[in-house]
C-alpha atoms as a PDB file:
ATOM      1  CA  MET A   1       0.098   0.012   0.207  1.00  0.00           C
ATOM      2  CA  PHE A   2       2.900   2.316   0.648  1.00  0.00           C
ATOM      3  CA  LEU A   3       4.104   1.697  -2.940  1.00  0.00           C
ATOM      4  CA  VAL A   4       0.880   2.859  -4.495  1.00  0.00           C
ATOM      5  CA  GLY A   5       0.616   5.864  -2.240  1.00  0.00           C
ATOM      6  CA  GLU A   6       4.122   6.787  -3.401  1.00  0.00           C
ATOM      7  CA  MET A   7       3.341   6.352  -6.895  1.00  0.00           C
ATOM      8  CA  LEU A   8       0.136   8.390  -6.820  1.00  0.00           C
ATOM      9  CA  GLY A   9       2.261  10.780  -5.188  1.00  0.00           C
ATOM     10  CA  ALA A  10       4.655  10.897  -7.996  1.00  0.00           C
ATOM     11  CA  ILE A  11       2.072  11.028 -10.686  1.00  0.00           C
ATOM     12  CA  GLY A  12       0.248  14.033  -8.817  1.00  0.00           C
ATOM     13  CA  LEU A  13       3.402  15.815  -8.626  1.00  0.00           C
ATOM     14  CA  VAL A  14       4.322  15.560 -12.308  1.00  0.00           C
ATOM     15  CA  LEU A  15       0.825  16.203 -13.193  1.00  0.00           C
ATOM     16  CA  GLY A  16       0.152  19.181 -11.065  1.00  0.00           C
ATOM     17  CA  SER A  17       3.706  20.664 -12.131  1.00  0.00           C
ATOM     18  CA  LEU A  18       2.959  20.230 -15.720  1.00  0.00           C
ATOM     19  CA  LEU A  19      -0.665  21.815 -15.237  1.00  0.00           C
ATOM     20  CA  ALA A  20       0.949  24.809 -13.413  1.00  0.00           C
ATOM     21  CA  ALA A  21       3.624  25.531 -16.066  1.00  0.00           C
ATOM     22  CA  GLY A  22       1.063  25.302 -18.633  1.00  0.00           C
ATOM     23  CA  LEU A  23      -0.946  27.958 -16.710  1.00  0.00           C
ATOM     24  CA  VAL A  24       1.950  30.294 -16.691  1.00  0.00           C
ATOM     25  CA  CYS A  25       2.469  29.891 -20.225  1.00  0.00           C
ATOM     26  CA  TRP A  26      -1.319  30.457 -20.771  1.00  0.00           C
ATOM     27  CA  MET A  27      -1.136  33.435 -18.443  1.00  0.00           C
ATOM     28  CA  ALA A  28       2.074  34.850 -20.178  1.00  0.00           C
ATOM     29  CA  THR A  29       0.537  34.477 -23.963  1.00  0.00           C
ATOM     30  CA  SER A  30      -2.781  36.223 -22.543  1.00  0.00           C
ATOM     31  CA  VAL A  31      -0.914  39.292 -21.260  1.00  0.00           C
ATOM     32  CA  ALA A  32       1.435  39.431 -24.534  1.00  0.00           C
ATOM     33  CA  ASP A  33      -1.829  39.053 -26.782  1.00  0.00           C
ATOM     34  CA  ARG A  34      -3.258  42.115 -24.833  1.00  0.00           C
ATOM     35  CA  LEU A  35      -0.136  44.105 -25.277  1.00  0.00           C
ATOM     36  CA  HIS A  36      -0.204  43.218 -28.895  1.00  0.00           C
ATOM     37  CA  HIS A  37       3.191  41.751 -28.758  1.00  0.00           C
ATOM     38  CA  HIS A  38       2.905  38.156 -29.302  1.00  0.00           C
ATOM     39  CA  ASN A  39       6.629  37.545 -29.487  1.00  0.00           C
ATOM     40  CA  TRP A  40       7.014  38.458 -25.867  1.00  0.00           C
ATOM     41  CA  ALA A  41       5.296  35.560 -24.286  1.00  0.00           C
ATOM     42  CA  GLY A  42       8.558  33.468 -23.946  1.00  0.00           C
ATOM     43  CA  PHE A  43      10.418  36.051 -22.514  1.00  0.00           C
ATOM     44  CA  PHE A  44       7.423  36.689 -19.927  1.00  0.00           C
ATOM     45  CA  VAL A  45       7.472  33.120 -19.071  1.00  0.00           C
ATOM     46  CA  LEU A  46      11.307  33.354 -18.541  1.00  0.00           C
ATOM     47  CA  ALA A  47      11.095  36.200 -16.755  1.00  0.00           C
ATOM     48  CA  ILE A  48       8.749  34.725 -13.933  1.00  0.00           C
ATOM     49  CA  LEU A  49      11.079  31.707 -13.850  1.00  0.00           C
ATOM     50  CA  ALA A  50      13.876  34.115 -13.132  1.00  0.00           C
ATOM     51  CA  ALA A  51      12.166  35.693 -10.431  1.00  0.00           C
ATOM     52  CA  THR A  52      11.010  32.611  -8.907  1.00  0.00           C
ATOM     53  CA  LEU A  53      14.669  31.435  -8.622  1.00  0.00           C
ATOM     54  CA  LEU A  54      15.957  34.753  -7.416  1.00  0.00           C
ATOM     55  CA  ALA A  55      13.446  34.882  -4.771  1.00  0.00           C
ATOM     56  CA  GLY A  56      14.604  31.534  -3.496  1.00  0.00           C
ATOM     57  CA  LEU A  57      11.322  29.674  -3.748  1.00  0.00           C
ATOM     58  CA  ALA A  58      12.821  26.759  -5.520  1.00  0.00           C
ATOM     59  CA  HIS A  59      13.011  24.729  -2.387  1.00  0.00           C
ATOM     60  CA  SER A  60      10.263  21.823  -3.424  1.00  0.00           C
ATOM     61  CA  ASP A  61      10.086  19.213  -5.950  1.00  0.00           C
ATOM     62  CA  PHE A  62       7.127  20.618  -7.228  1.00  0.00           C
ATOM     63  CA  ILE A  63       8.518  24.021  -7.667  1.00  0.00           C
ATOM     64  CA  LYS A  64      11.785  22.315  -9.464  1.00  0.00           C
ATOM     65  CA  LEU A  65       9.756  20.073 -11.734  1.00  0.00           C
ATOM     66  CA  GLY A  66       7.657  23.276 -12.441  1.00  0.00           C
ATOM     67  CA  LEU A  67      10.324  25.230 -13.503  1.00  0.00           C
ATOM     68  CA  THR A  68      11.747  22.665 -15.641  1.00  0.00           C
ATOM     69  CA  TYR A  69       8.366  22.179 -17.265  1.00  0.00           C
ATOM     70  CA  GLY A  70       8.142  26.296 -17.604  1.00  0.00           C
ATOM     71  CA  VAL A  71      11.634  26.399 -19.484  1.00  0.00           C
ATOM     72  CA  PHE A  72      10.367  23.910 -22.096  1.00  0.00           C
ATOM     73  CA  GLY A  73       7.243  26.025 -22.269  1.00  0.00           C
ATOM     74  CA  ALA A  74       9.312  28.944 -23.128  1.00  0.00           C
ATOM     75  CA  LEU A  75      11.213  27.545 -25.637  1.00  0.00           C
ATOM     76  CA  ALA A  76       7.923  26.422 -27.157  1.00  0.00           C
ATOM     77  CA  LEU A  77       6.622  29.673 -27.226  1.00  0.00           C
ATOM     78  CA  ILE A  78       9.607  31.427 -28.574  1.00  0.00           C
ATOM     79  CA  LEU A  79       9.967  29.014 -31.315  1.00  0.00           C
ATOM     80  CA  ALA A  80       6.433  29.294 -32.054  1.00  0.00           C
ATOM     81  CA  SER A  81       6.722  33.027 -32.201  1.00  0.00           C
ATOM     82  CA  ARG A  82       9.589  32.750 -34.818  1.00  0.00           C
ATOM     83  CA  MET A  83       7.788  30.232 -36.993  1.00  0.00           C
ATOM     84  CA  ASN A  84       4.673  32.718 -37.111  1.00  0.00           C
ATOM     85  CA  LYS A  85       6.729  36.098 -37.628  1.00  0.00           C
ATOM     86  CA  GLY A  86       6.241  35.642 -41.524  1.00  0.00           C
ATOM     87  CA  SER A  87       2.582  34.792 -41.676  1.00  0.00           C
ATOM     88  CA  SER A  88       0.824  37.808 -39.890  1.00  0.00           C
ATOM     89  CA  ASN A  89      -2.348  38.514 -41.145  1.00  0.00           C
ATOM     90  CA  HIS A  90      -1.970  42.491 -40.053  1.00  0.00           C
ATOM     91  CA  PRO A  91      -4.221  44.713 -42.170  1.00  0.00           C
ATOM     92  CA  ASN A  92      -1.451  47.375 -42.792  1.00  0.00           C
ATOM     93  CA  GLN A  93       1.128  44.784 -44.297  1.00  0.00           C
ATOM     94  CA  ASP A  94       2.132  44.781 -47.639  1.00  0.00           C
ATOM     95  CA  ASN A  95       1.440  41.594 -49.476  1.00  0.00           C
ATOM     96  CA  LYS A  96       4.250  41.427 -51.935  1.00  0.00           C
END
């Protein structure tokens, strides 16, 4: 029974930190969209992660795993913004 409890705790840790990192990435994307700077979302996530590390809040395994997932999420947001750079549908953009 102890092993089942440990396994459920580990699964909860992984899924919970993944959900938390996903919510941080979603919030950063929402803020960047409201500021009309979609390319800044990844950098917002990196700023939040750096602030968390500099504040000394990375003591628990949940936060450490969430920070790891957050770094991968920020990289995905940065790469996605670079891939969509050429396909902007802005009305004032010249279509050559």
